[in-house]
Amino acid sequence: MQKSNKSIAGYHLLMILSSVDGEFAPAEGMLVQQYLADEFPFKIDLDDELDTIALLKPEDWKSHFEFHGQCFLEDSTEEERKKFIRFAKTLIKADDVVSDEEHTYYTLLKKLWNMN
């Protein structure tokens, strides 16, 4: 897998976080759109990134998530990671239900970034 920059890695992380419970809720979609607007003030084509995510099998999500978590870690400051974790928490709560899968991936990200 090719290393991603922080913004692209964040997109992958959020898309997986919002999908691991088997449902991509509209409220989650709005938050992902907010992230994209904040991270990409210019027009960017993410079709290839979305295709990559969409073609993942559930059994590949964890390794893909860990890879992009590492990419984000390498390209970010501690403050950027703290901000992202807060945003990720908002994302998994957006549909008013935090599934076990969402919680597992959220805590995995915190562990990857030594934020426990």
PDB file of N, CA and C in Angstrom:
ATOM      1  N   MET A   1       0.844  -1.174   0.000  1.00  0.00           N
ATOM      2  CA  MET A   1       0.000   0.000   0.000  1.00  0.00           C
ATOM      3  C   MET A   1       0.891   1.239   0.000  1.00  0.00           C
ATOM      4  N   GLN A   2       0.508   2.231  -0.769  1.00  0.00           N
ATOM      5  CA  GLN A   2       1.272   3.467  -0.841  1.00  0.00           C
ATOM      6  C   GLN A   2       0.922   4.389   0.326  1.00  0.00           C
ATOM      7  N   LYS A   3       1.951   4.978   0.931  1.00  0.00           N
ATOM      8  CA  LYS A   3       1.750   5.889   2.055  1.00  0.00           C
ATOM      9  C   LYS A   3       0.840   7.039   1.639  1.00  0.00           C
ATOM     10  N   SER A   4      -0.048   7.417   2.529  1.00  0.00           N
ATOM     11  CA  SER A   4      -0.962   8.536   2.301  1.00  0.00           C
ATOM     12  C   SER A   4      -0.526   9.731   3.124  1.00  0.00           C
ATOM     13  N   ASN A   5      -0.874  10.918   2.652  1.00  0.00           N
ATOM     14  CA  ASN A   5      -0.629  12.098   3.469  1.00  0.00           C
ATOM     15  C   ASN A   5      -1.680  12.148   4.580  1.00  0.00           C
ATOM     16  N   LYS A   6      -1.489  13.049   5.501  1.00  0.00           N
ATOM     17  CA  LYS A   6      -2.354  13.140   6.688  1.00  0.00           C
ATOM     18  C   LYS A   6      -3.831  13.285   6.323  1.00  0.00           C
ATOM     19  N   SER A   7      -4.149  14.161   5.398  1.00  0.00           N
ATOM     20  CA  SER A   7      -5.549  14.425   5.057  1.00  0.00           C
ATOM     21  C   SER A   7      -6.223  13.218   4.415  1.00  0.00           C
ATOM     22  N   ILE A   8      -5.525  12.579   3.480  1.00  0.00           N
ATOM     23  CA  ILE A   8      -6.075  11.377   2.829  1.00  0.00           C
ATOM     24  C   ILE A   8      -6.198  10.251   3.851  1.00  0.00           C
ATOM     25  N   ALA A   9      -5.185  10.085   4.686  1.00  0.00           N
ATOM     26  CA  ALA A   9      -5.238   9.047   5.727  1.00  0.00           C
ATOM     27  C   ALA A   9      -6.426   9.288   6.649  1.00  0.00           C
ATOM     28  N   GLY A  10      -6.651  10.545   7.029  1.00  0.00           N
ATOM     29  CA  GLY A  10      -7.790  10.875   7.877  1.00  0.00           C
ATOM     30  C   GLY A  10      -9.111  10.513   7.228  1.00  0.00           C
ATOM     31  N   TYR A  11      -9.212  10.745   5.935  1.00  0.00           N
ATOM     32  CA  TYR A  11     -10.421  10.379   5.187  1.00  0.00           C
ATOM     33  C   TYR A  11     -10.656   8.868   5.272  1.00  0.00           C
ATOM     34  N   HIS A  12      -9.617   8.082   5.047  1.00  0.00           N
ATOM     35  CA  HIS A  12      -9.748   6.621   5.139  1.00  0.00           C
ATOM     36  C   HIS A  12     -10.174   6.208   6.542  1.00  0.00           C
ATOM     37  N   LEU A  13      -9.542   6.796   7.543  1.00  0.00           N
ATOM     38  CA  LEU A  13      -9.884   6.459   8.933  1.00  0.00           C
ATOM     39  C   LEU A  13     -11.346   6.754   9.234  1.00  0.00           C
ATOM     40  N   LEU A  14     -11.805   7.935   8.830  1.00  0.00           N
ATOM     41  CA  LEU A  14     -13.198   8.317   9.103  1.00  0.00           C
ATOM     42  C   LEU A  14     -14.185   7.448   8.343  1.00  0.00           C
ATOM     43  N   MET A  15     -13.868   7.128   7.108  1.00  0.00           N
ATOM     44  CA  MET A  15     -14.779   6.291   6.319  1.00  0.00           C
ATOM     45  C   MET A  15     -14.909   4.895   6.926  1.00  0.00           C
ATOM     46  N   ILE A  16     -13.814   4.348   7.401  1.00  0.00           N
ATOM     47  CA  ILE A  16     -13.887   3.030   8.034  1.00  0.00           C
ATOM     48  C   ILE A  16     -14.621   3.133   9.364  1.00  0.00           C
ATOM     49  N   LEU A  17     -14.294   4.144  10.165  1.00  0.00           N
ATOM     50  CA  LEU A  17     -15.001   4.332  11.436  1.00  0.00           C
ATOM     51  C   LEU A  17     -16.508   4.442  11.232  1.00  0.00           C
ATOM     52  N   SER A  18     -16.912   5.123  10.170  1.00  0.00           N
ATOM     53  CA  SER A  18     -18.343   5.334   9.950  1.00  0.00           C
ATOM     54  C   SER A  18     -19.025   4.120   9.329  1.00  0.00           C
ATOM     55  N   SER A  19     -18.244   3.139   8.906  1.00  0.00           N
ATOM     56  CA  SER A  19     -18.825   1.977   8.222  1.00  0.00           C
ATOM     57  C   SER A  19     -18.727   0.667   8.989  1.00  0.00           C
ATOM     58  N   VAL A  20     -17.888   0.601  10.023  1.00  0.00           N
ATOM     59  CA  VAL A  20     -17.654  -0.684  10.695  1.00  0.00           C
ATOM     60  C   VAL A  20     -18.894  -1.252  11.368  1.00  0.00           C
ATOM     61  N   ASP A  21     -19.880  -0.417  11.643  1.00  0.00           N
ATOM     62  CA  ASP A  21     -21.106  -0.923  12.262  1.00  0.00           C
ATOM     63  C   ASP A  21     -22.103  -1.428  11.227  1.00  0.00           C
ATOM     64  N   GLY A  22     -21.702  -1.430   9.950  1.00  0.00           N
ATOM     65  CA  GLY A  22     -22.560  -1.944   8.894  1.00  0.00           C
ATOM     66  C   GLY A  22     -23.528  -0.917   8.332  1.00  0.00           C
ATOM     67  N   GLU A  23     -23.442   0.320   8.820  1.00  0.00           N
ATOM     68  CA  GLU A  23     -24.356   1.365   8.356  1.00  0.00           C
ATOM     69  C   GLU A  23     -23.603   2.685   8.257  1.00  0.00           C
ATOM     70  N   PHE A  24     -23.778   3.373   7.144  1.00  0.00           N
ATOM     71  CA  PHE A  24     -23.193   4.699   6.960  1.00  0.00           C
ATOM     72  C   PHE A  24     -24.336   5.692   7.107  1.00  0.00           C
ATOM     73  N   ALA A  25     -24.508   6.193   8.330  1.00  0.00           N
ATOM     74  CA  ALA A  25     -25.640   7.069   8.659  1.00  0.00           C
ATOM     75  C   ALA A  25     -25.463   8.440   8.011  1.00  0.00           C
ATOM     76  N   PRO A  26     -26.566   9.090   7.625  1.00  0.00           N
ATOM     77  CA  PRO A  26     -26.486  10.430   7.034  1.00  0.00           C
ATOM     78  C   PRO A  26     -25.726  11.429   7.911  1.00  0.00           C
ATOM     79  N   ALA A  27     -25.913  11.366   9.227  1.00  0.00           N
ATOM     80  CA  ALA A  27     -25.202  12.283  10.127  1.00  0.00           C
ATOM     81  C   ALA A  27     -23.692  12.062  10.052  1.00  0.00           C
ATOM     82  N   GLU A  28     -23.288  10.810   9.870  1.00  0.00           N
ATOM     83  CA  GLU A  28     -21.869  10.508   9.722  1.00  0.00           C
ATOM     84  C   GLU A  28     -21.351  11.068   8.394  1.00  0.00           C
ATOM     85  N   GLY A  29     -22.137  10.921   7.363  1.00  0.00           N
ATOM     86  CA  GLY A  29     -21.769  11.454   6.057  1.00  0.00           C
ATOM     87  C   GLY A  29     -21.562  12.961   6.088  1.00  0.00           C
ATOM     88  N   MET A  30     -22.403  13.652   6.840  1.00  0.00           N
ATOM     89  CA  MET A  30     -22.274  15.110   6.957  1.00  0.00           C
ATOM     90  C   MET A  30     -20.962  15.479   7.665  1.00  0.00           C
ATOM     91  N   LEU A  31     -20.581  14.709   8.658  1.00  0.00           N
ATOM     92  CA  LEU A  31     -19.326  14.978   9.359  1.00  0.00           C
ATOM     93  C   LEU A  31     -18.118  14.694   8.471  1.00  0.00           C
ATOM     94  N   VAL A  32     -18.191  13.641   7.678  1.00  0.00           N
ATOM     95  CA  VAL A  32     -17.098  13.363   6.741  1.00  0.00           C
ATOM     96  C   VAL A  32     -16.986  14.505   5.738  1.00  0.00           C
ATOM     97  N   GLN A  33     -18.124  15.018   5.272  1.00  0.00           N
ATOM     98  CA  GLN A  33     -18.111  16.165   4.351  1.00  0.00           C
ATOM     99  C   GLN A  33     -17.478  17.388   5.021  1.00  0.00           C
ATOM    100  N   GLN A  34     -17.768  17.586   6.300  1.00  0.00           N
ATOM    101  CA  GLN A  34     -17.175  18.695   7.043  1.00  0.00           C
ATOM    102  C   GLN A  34     -15.659  18.534   7.102  1.00  0.00           C
ATOM    103  N   TYR A  35     -15.193  17.319   7.389  1.00  0.00           N
ATOM    104  CA  TYR A  35     -13.758  17.041   7.422  1.00  0.00           C
ATOM    105  C   TYR A  35     -13.123  17.379   6.078  1.00  0.00           C
ATOM    106  N   LEU A  36     -13.760  16.936   4.995  1.00  0.00           N
ATOM    107  CA  LEU A  36     -13.220  17.194   3.662  1.00  0.00           C
ATOM    108  C   LEU A  36     -13.143  18.681   3.371  1.00  0.00           C
ATOM    109  N   ALA A  37     -14.173  19.416   3.747  1.00  0.00           N
ATOM    110  CA  ALA A  37     -14.176  20.872   3.524  1.00  0.00           C
ATOM    111  C   ALA A  37     -13.065  21.551   4.322  1.00  0.00           C
ATOM    112  N   ASP A  38     -12.824  21.066   5.532  1.00  0.00           N
ATOM    113  CA  ASP A  38     -11.775  21.651   6.371  1.00  0.00           C
ATOM    114  C   ASP A  38     -10.375  21.293   5.869  1.00  0.00           C
ATOM    115  N   GLU A  39     -10.203  20.068   5.431  1.00  0.00           N
ATOM    116  CA  GLU A  39      -8.882  19.583   5.023  1.00  0.00           C
ATOM    117  C   GLU A  39      -8.523  19.920   3.582  1.00  0.00           C
ATOM    118  N   PHE A  40      -9.532  20.051   2.743  1.00  0.00           N
ATOM    119  CA  PHE A  40      -9.306  20.292   1.321  1.00  0.00           C
ATOM    120  C   PHE A  40     -10.090  21.517   0.877  1.00  0.00           C
ATOM    121  N   PRO A  41      -9.578  22.722   1.151  1.00  0.00           N
ATOM    122  CA  PRO A  41     -10.316  23.936   0.767  1.00  0.00           C
ATOM    123  C   PRO A  41     -10.406  24.112  -0.748  1.00  0.00           C
ATOM    124  N   PHE A  42      -9.662  23.305  -1.479  1.00  0.00           N
ATOM    125  CA  PHE A  42      -9.708  23.316  -2.942  1.00  0.00           C
ATOM    126  C   PHE A  42     -10.395  22.030  -3.397  1.00  0.00           C
ATOM    127  N   LYS A  43     -10.860  21.997  -4.616  1.00  0.00           N
ATOM    128  CA  LYS A  43     -11.551  20.808  -5.128  1.00  0.00           C
ATOM    129  C   LYS A  43     -10.548  19.669  -5.311  1.00  0.00           C
ATOM    130  N   ILE A  44     -10.903  18.527  -4.814  1.00  0.00           N
ATOM    131  CA  ILE A  44     -10.048  17.349  -4.941  1.00  0.00           C
ATOM    132  C   ILE A  44     -10.915  16.159  -5.324  1.00  0.00           C
ATOM    133  N   ASP A  45     -10.393  15.306  -6.167  1.00  0.00           N
ATOM    134  CA  ASP A  45     -11.109  14.121  -6.608  1.00  0.00           C
ATOM    135  C   ASP A  45     -10.705  12.947  -5.721  1.00  0.00           C
ATOM    136  N   LEU A  46     -11.638  12.469  -4.923  1.00  0.00           N
ATOM    137  CA  LEU A  46     -11.373  11.354  -4.017  1.00  0.00           C
ATOM    138  C   LEU A  46     -12.003  10.048  -4.502  1.00  0.00           C
ATOM    139  N   ASP A  47     -12.382  10.004  -5.770  1.00  0.00           N
ATOM    140  CA  ASP A  47     -13.025   8.803  -6.292  1.00  0.00           C
ATOM    141  C   ASP A  47     -12.149   7.563  -6.132  1.00  0.00           C
ATOM    142  N   ASP A  48     -10.852   7.692  -6.420  1.00  0.00           N
ATOM    143  CA  ASP A  48      -9.960   6.538  -6.283  1.00  0.00           C
ATOM    144  C   ASP A  48      -9.863   6.087  -4.826  1.00  0.00           C
ATOM    145  N   GLU A  49      -9.842   7.056  -3.917  1.00  0.00           N
ATOM    146  CA  GLU A  49      -9.774   6.719  -2.488  1.00  0.00           C
ATOM    147  C   GLU A  49     -11.047   6.004  -2.049  1.00  0.00           C
ATOM    148  N   LEU A  50     -12.188   6.517  -2.494  1.00  0.00           N
ATOM    149  CA  LEU A  50     -13.467   5.902  -2.146  1.00  0.00           C
ATOM    150  C   LEU A  50     -13.576   4.498  -2.737  1.00  0.00           C
ATOM    151  N   ASP A  51     -13.103   4.327  -3.971  1.00  0.00           N
ATOM    152  CA  ASP A  51     -13.104   3.004  -4.589  1.00  0.00           C
ATOM    153  C   ASP A  51     -12.270   2.019  -3.771  1.00  0.00           C
ATOM    154  N   THR A  52     -11.096   2.466  -3.329  1.00  0.00           N
ATOM    155  CA  THR A  52     -10.224   1.613  -2.524  1.00  0.00           C
ATOM    156  C   THR A  52     -10.939   1.173  -1.251  1.00  0.00           C
ATOM    157  N   ILE A  53     -11.582   2.107  -0.589  1.00  0.00           N
ATOM    158  CA  ILE A  53     -12.288   1.803   0.653  1.00  0.00           C
ATOM    159  C   ILE A  53     -13.474   0.881   0.390  1.00  0.00           C
ATOM    160  N   ALA A  54     -14.226   1.184  -0.663  1.00  0.00           N
ATOM    161  CA  ALA A  54     -15.423   0.399  -0.977  1.00  0.00           C
ATOM    162  C   ALA A  54     -15.089  -1.046  -1.343  1.00  0.00           C
ATOM    163  N   LEU A  55     -13.922  -1.267  -1.906  1.00  0.00           N
ATOM    164  CA  LEU A  55     -13.545  -2.621  -2.326  1.00  0.00           C
ATOM    165  C   LEU A  55     -12.939  -3.457  -1.197  1.00  0.00           C
ATOM    166  N   LEU A  56     -12.709  -2.837  -0.046  1.00  0.00           N
ATOM    167  CA  LEU A  56     -12.167  -3.590   1.082  1.00  0.00           C
ATOM    168  C   LEU A  56     -13.185  -4.598   1.599  1.00  0.00           C
ATOM    169  N   LYS A  57     -12.702  -5.774   1.915  1.00  0.00           N
ATOM    170  CA  LYS A  57     -13.539  -6.761   2.588  1.00  0.00           C
ATOM    171  C   LYS A  57     -13.472  -6.456   4.081  1.00  0.00           C
ATOM    172  N   PRO A  58     -14.531  -6.739   4.816  1.00  0.00           N
ATOM    173  CA  PRO A  58     -14.513  -6.465   6.257  1.00  0.00           C
ATOM    174  C   PRO A  58     -13.293  -7.033   6.977  1.00  0.00           C
ATOM    175  N   GLU A  59     -12.798  -8.164   6.532  1.00  0.00           N
ATOM    176  CA  GLU A  59     -11.633  -8.747   7.199  1.00  0.00           C
ATOM    177  C   GLU A  59     -10.343  -7.960   6.913  1.00  0.00           C
ATOM    178  N   ASP A  60     -10.386  -7.049   5.943  1.00  0.00           N
ATOM    179  CA  ASP A  60      -9.217  -6.217   5.623  1.00  0.00           C
ATOM    180  C   ASP A  60      -9.282  -4.833   6.267  1.00  0.00           C
ATOM    181  N   TRP A  61     -10.408  -4.489   6.862  1.00  0.00           N
ATOM    182  CA  TRP A  61     -10.578  -3.152   7.424  1.00  0.00           C
ATOM    183  C   TRP A  61      -9.547  -2.820   8.489  1.00  0.00           C
ATOM    184  N   LYS A  62      -9.291  -3.756   9.384  1.00  0.00           N
ATOM    185  CA  LYS A  62      -8.392  -3.469  10.507  1.00  0.00           C
ATOM    186  C   LYS A  62      -6.993  -3.136  10.018  1.00  0.00           C
ATOM    187  N   SER A  63      -6.440  -3.936   9.131  1.00  0.00           N
ATOM    188  CA  SER A  63      -5.082  -3.665   8.658  1.00  0.00           C
ATOM    189  C   SER A  63      -5.032  -2.363   7.856  1.00  0.00           C
ATOM    190  N   HIS A  64      -6.074  -2.085   7.080  1.00  0.00           N
ATOM    191  CA  HIS A  64      -6.142  -0.827   6.319  1.00  0.00           C
ATOM    192  C   HIS A  64      -6.231   0.355   7.280  1.00  0.00           C
ATOM    193  N   PHE A  65      -7.032   0.211   8.305  1.00  0.00           N
ATOM    194  CA  PHE A  65      -7.197   1.247   9.327  1.00  0.00           C
ATOM    195  C   PHE A  65      -5.869   1.501  10.044  1.00  0.00           C
ATOM    196  N   GLU A  66      -5.186   0.438  10.438  1.00  0.00           N
ATOM    197  CA  GLU A  66      -3.899   0.578  11.122  1.00  0.00           C
ATOM    198  C   GLU A  66      -2.861   1.244  10.218  1.00  0.00           C
ATOM    199  N   PHE A  67      -2.833   0.864   8.936  1.00  0.00           N
ATOM    200  CA  PHE A  67      -1.891   1.460   7.991  1.00  0.00           C
ATOM    201  C   PHE A  67      -2.117   2.967   7.893  1.00  0.00           C
ATOM    202  N   HIS A  68      -3.370   3.373   7.712  1.00  0.00           N
ATOM    203  CA  HIS A  68      -3.658   4.798   7.562  1.00  0.00           C
ATOM    204  C   HIS A  68      -3.528   5.543   8.889  1.00  0.00           C
ATOM    205  N   GLY A  69      -3.754   4.853   9.986  1.00  0.00           N
ATOM    206  CA  GLY A  69      -3.484   5.456  11.293  1.00  0.00           C
ATOM    207  C   GLY A  69      -2.007   5.777  11.437  1.00  0.00           C
ATOM    208  N   GLN A  70      -1.152   4.886  10.946  1.00  0.00           N
ATOM    209  CA  GLN A  70       0.295   5.114  10.987  1.00  0.00           C
ATOM    210  C   GLN A  70       0.682   6.260  10.043  1.00  0.00           C
ATOM    211  N   CYS A  71       0.084   6.318   8.861  1.00  0.00           N
ATOM    212  CA  CYS A  71       0.350   7.421   7.926  1.00  0.00           C
ATOM    213  C   CYS A  71      -0.005   8.761   8.573  1.00  0.00           C
ATOM    214  N   PHE A  72      -1.175   8.813   9.208  1.00  0.00           N
ATOM    215  CA  PHE A  72      -1.610  10.053   9.868  1.00  0.00           C
ATOM    216  C   PHE A  72      -0.626  10.420  10.978  1.00  0.00           C
ATOM    217  N   LEU A  73      -0.235   9.438  11.758  1.00  0.00           N
ATOM    218  CA  LEU A  73       0.702   9.663  12.862  1.00  0.00           C
ATOM    219  C   LEU A  73       2.003  10.284  12.356  1.00  0.00           C
ATOM    220  N   GLU A  74       2.537   9.749  11.264  1.00  0.00           N
ATOM    221  CA  GLU A  74       3.820  10.214  10.740  1.00  0.00           C
ATOM    222  C   GLU A  74       3.758  11.644  10.212  1.00  0.00           C
ATOM    223  N   ASP A  75       2.590  12.092   9.768  1.00  0.00           N
ATOM    224  CA  ASP A  75       2.467  13.412   9.139  1.00  0.00           C
ATOM    225  C   ASP A  75       1.777  14.451  10.010  1.00  0.00           C
ATOM    226  N   SER A  76       1.539  14.142  11.274  1.00  0.00           N
ATOM    227  CA  SER A  76       0.748  15.059  12.104  1.00  0.00           C
ATOM    228  C   SER A  76       1.483  15.436  13.383  1.00  0.00           C
ATOM    229  N   THR A  77       1.005  16.522  13.955  1.00  0.00           N
ATOM    230  CA  THR A  77       1.492  16.930  15.272  1.00  0.00           C
ATOM    231  C   THR A  77       0.599  16.292  16.337  1.00  0.00           C
ATOM    232  N   GLU A  78       1.049  16.348  17.562  1.00  0.00           N
ATOM    233  CA  GLU A  78       0.244  15.816  18.661  1.00  0.00           C
ATOM    234  C   GLU A  78      -1.099  16.541  18.747  1.00  0.00           C
ATOM    235  N   GLU A  79      -1.086  17.847  18.558  1.00  0.00           N
ATOM    236  CA  GLU A  79      -2.327  18.626  18.618  1.00  0.00           C
ATOM    237  C   GLU A  79      -3.288  18.230  17.494  1.00  0.00           C
ATOM    238  N   GLU A  80      -2.769  17.972  16.305  1.00  0.00           N
ATOM    239  CA  GLU A  80      -3.614  17.531  15.187  1.00  0.00           C
ATOM    240  C   GLU A  80      -4.232  16.171  15.486  1.00  0.00           C
ATOM    241  N   ARG A  81      -3.474  15.291  16.114  1.00  0.00           N
ATOM    242  CA  ARG A  81      -4.023  13.977  16.480  1.00  0.00           C
ATOM    243  C   ARG A  81      -5.104  14.107  17.546  1.00  0.00           C
ATOM    244  N   LYS A  82      -4.880  14.965  18.520  1.00  0.00           N
ATOM    245  CA  LYS A  82      -5.902  15.189  19.555  1.00  0.00           C
ATOM    246  C   LYS A  82      -7.182  15.736  18.929  1.00  0.00           C
ATOM    247  N   LYS A  83      -7.042  16.676  18.028  1.00  0.00           N
ATOM    248  CA  LYS A  83      -8.204  17.255  17.337  1.00  0.00           C
ATOM    249  C   LYS A  83      -8.932  16.180  16.519  1.00  0.00           C
ATOM    250  N   PHE A  84      -8.166  15.335  15.828  1.00  0.00           N
ATOM    251  CA  PHE A  84      -8.767  14.277  15.015  1.00  0.00           C
ATOM    252  C   PHE A  84      -9.510  13.268  15.894  1.00  0.00           C
ATOM    253  N   ILE A  85      -8.914  12.907  17.020  1.00  0.00           N
ATOM    254  CA  ILE A  85      -9.561  11.952  17.933  1.00  0.00           C
ATOM    255  C   ILE A  85     -10.888  12.517  18.437  1.00  0.00           C
ATOM    256  N   ARG A  86     -10.904  13.798  18.775  1.00  0.00           N
ATOM    257  CA  ARG A  86     -12.170  14.426  19.207  1.00  0.00           C
ATOM    258  C   ARG A  86     -13.196  14.371  18.078  1.00  0.00           C
ATOM    259  N   PHE A  87     -12.746  14.643  16.864  1.00  0.00           N
ATOM    260  CA  PHE A  87     -13.641  14.605  15.714  1.00  0.00           C
ATOM    261  C   PHE A  87     -14.144  13.176  15.481  1.00  0.00           C
ATOM    262  N   ALA A  88     -13.243  12.207  15.594  1.00  0.00           N
ATOM    263  CA  ALA A  88     -13.631  10.802  15.416  1.00  0.00           C
ATOM    264  C   ALA A  88     -14.672  10.389  16.452  1.00  0.00           C
ATOM    265  N   LYS A  89     -14.522  10.871  17.669  1.00  0.00           N
ATOM    266  CA  LYS A  89     -15.500  10.561  18.721  1.00  0.00           C
ATOM    267  C   LYS A  89     -16.866  11.153  18.362  1.00  0.00           C
ATOM    268  N   THR A  90     -16.861  12.378  17.851  1.00  0.00           N
ATOM    269  CA  THR A  90     -18.110  12.999  17.401  1.00  0.00           C
ATOM    270  C   THR A  90     -18.735  12.178  16.276  1.00  0.00           C
ATOM    271  N   LEU A  91     -17.897  11.698  15.382  1.00  0.00           N
ATOM    272  CA  LEU A  91     -18.379  10.895  14.250  1.00  0.00           C
ATOM    273  C   LEU A  91     -19.071   9.618  14.712  1.00  0.00           C
ATOM    274  N   ILE A  92     -18.427   8.874  15.608  1.00  0.00           N
ATOM    275  CA  ILE A  92     -19.028   7.600  16.007  1.00  0.00           C
ATOM    276  C   ILE A  92     -20.281   7.794  16.854  1.00  0.00           C
ATOM    277  N   LYS A  93     -20.463   8.984  17.426  1.00  0.00           N
ATOM    278  CA  LYS A  93     -21.669   9.289  18.204  1.00  0.00           C
ATOM    279  C   LYS A  93     -22.760   9.952  17.361  1.00  0.00           C
ATOM    280  N   ALA A  94     -22.460  10.254  16.101  1.00  0.00           N
ATOM    281  CA  ALA A  94     -23.358  11.054  15.262  1.00  0.00           C
ATOM    282  C   ALA A  94     -24.746  10.437  15.087  1.00  0.00           C
ATOM    283  N   ASP A  95     -24.831   9.119  15.045  1.00  0.00           N
ATOM    284  CA  ASP A  95     -26.132   8.469  14.876  1.00  0.00           C
ATOM    285  C   ASP A  95     -26.752   8.064  16.212  1.00  0.00           C
ATOM    286  N   ASP A  96     -26.217   8.592  17.294  1.00  0.00           N
ATOM    287  CA  ASP A  96     -26.702   8.352  18.654  1.00  0.00           C
ATOM    288  C   ASP A  96     -26.524   6.925  19.144  1.00  0.00           C
ATOM    289  N   VAL A  97     -25.728   6.121  18.416  1.00  0.00           N
ATOM    290  CA  VAL A  97     -25.428   4.759  18.838  1.00  0.00           C
ATOM    291  C   VAL A  97     -23.950   4.498  18.560  1.00  0.00           C
ATOM    292  N   VAL A  98     -23.222   4.093  19.585  1.00  0.00           N
ATOM    293  CA  VAL A  98     -21.824   3.713  19.389  1.00  0.00           C
ATOM    294  C   VAL A  98     -21.763   2.191  19.479  1.00  0.00           C
ATOM    295  N   SER A  99     -21.544   1.572  18.333  1.00  0.00           N
ATOM    296  CA  SER A  99     -21.504   0.109  18.300  1.00  0.00           C
ATOM    297  C   SER A  99     -20.187  -0.390  18.894  1.00  0.00           C
ATOM    298  N   ASP A 100     -20.157  -1.665  19.216  1.00  0.00           N
ATOM    299  CA  ASP A 100     -18.925  -2.267  19.722  1.00  0.00           C
ATOM    300  C   ASP A 100     -17.793  -2.123  18.708  1.00  0.00           C
ATOM    301  N   GLU A 101     -18.134  -2.296  17.427  1.00  0.00           N
ATOM    302  CA  GLU A 101     -17.123  -2.182  16.369  1.00  0.00           C
ATOM    303  C   GLU A 101     -16.549  -0.765  16.302  1.00  0.00           C
ATOM    304  N   GLU A 102     -17.420   0.229  16.357  1.00  0.00           N
ATOM    305  CA  GLU A 102     -16.957   1.615  16.328  1.00  0.00           C
ATOM    306  C   GLU A 102     -16.049   1.903  17.523  1.00  0.00           C
ATOM    307  N   HIS A 103     -16.461   1.452  18.683  1.00  0.00           N
ATOM    308  CA  HIS A 103     -15.663   1.665  19.890  1.00  0.00           C
ATOM    309  C   HIS A 103     -14.310   0.966  19.774  1.00  0.00           C
ATOM    310  N   THR A 104     -14.307  -0.246  19.236  1.00  0.00           N
ATOM    311  CA  THR A 104     -13.065  -1.001  19.068  1.00  0.00           C
ATOM    312  C   THR A 104     -12.088  -0.258  18.159  1.00  0.00           C
ATOM    313  N   TYR A 105     -12.569   0.247  17.035  1.00  0.00           N
ATOM    314  CA  TYR A 105     -11.699   0.960  16.098  1.00  0.00           C
ATOM    315  C   TYR A 105     -11.250   2.302  16.679  1.00  0.00           C
ATOM    316  N   TYR A 106     -12.127   2.969  17.377  1.00  0.00           N
ATOM    317  CA  TYR A 106     -11.778   4.240  18.016  1.00  0.00           C
ATOM    318  C   TYR A 106     -10.661   4.025  19.043  1.00  0.00           C
ATOM    319  N   THR A 107     -10.808   3.006  19.881  1.00  0.00           N
ATOM    320  CA  THR A 107      -9.774   2.741  20.887  1.00  0.00           C
ATOM    321  C   THR A 107      -8.493   2.225  20.232  1.00  0.00           C
ATOM    322  N   LEU A 108      -8.611   1.508  19.125  1.00  0.00           N
ATOM    323  CA  LEU A 108      -7.435   1.064  18.378  1.00  0.00           C
ATOM    324  C   LEU A 108      -6.637   2.275  17.887  1.00  0.00           C
ATOM    325  N   LEU A 109      -7.329   3.270  17.376  1.00  0.00           N
ATOM    326  CA  LEU A 109      -6.658   4.475  16.894  1.00  0.00           C
ATOM    327  C   LEU A 109      -5.941   5.190  18.038  1.00  0.00           C
ATOM    328  N   LYS A 110      -6.604   5.303  19.172  1.00  0.00           N
ATOM    329  CA  LYS A 110      -5.972   5.926  20.336  1.00  0.00           C
ATOM    330  C   LYS A 110      -4.732   5.140  20.765  1.00  0.00           C
ATOM    331  N   LYS A 111      -4.815   3.822  20.695  1.00  0.00           N
ATOM    332  CA  LYS A 111      -3.685   2.988  21.062  1.00  0.00           C
ATOM    333  C   LYS A 111      -2.530   3.172  20.070  1.00  0.00           C
ATOM    334  N   LEU A 112      -2.841   3.193  18.780  1.00  0.00           N
ATOM    335  CA  LEU A 112      -1.818   3.403  17.744  1.00  0.00           C
ATOM    336  C   LEU A 112      -1.069   4.705  17.966  1.00  0.00           C
ATOM    337  N   TRP A 113      -1.785   5.697  18.455  1.00  0.00           N
ATOM    338  CA  TRP A 113      -1.204   7.025  18.643  1.00  0.00           C
ATOM    339  C   TRP A 113      -0.759   7.259  20.086  1.00  0.00           C
ATOM    340  N   ASN A 114      -0.716   6.201  20.891  1.00  0.00           N
ATOM    341  CA  ASN A 114      -0.301   6.299  22.305  1.00  0.00           C
ATOM    342  C   ASN A 114      -1.092   7.376  23.047  1.00  0.00           C
ATOM    343  N   MET A 115      -2.402   7.338  22.918  1.00  0.00           N
ATOM    344  CA  MET A 115      -3.270   8.322  23.550  1.00  0.00           C
ATOM    345  C   MET A 115      -4.184   7.684  24.601  1.00  0.00           C
ATOM    346  N   ASN A 116      -3.777   6.578  25.158  1.00  0.00           N
ATOM    347  CA  ASN A 116      -4.617   5.890  26.154  1.00  0.00           C
ATOM    348  C   ASN A 116      -4.536   6.541  27.502  1.00  0.00           C
TER     349      ASN A 116
END
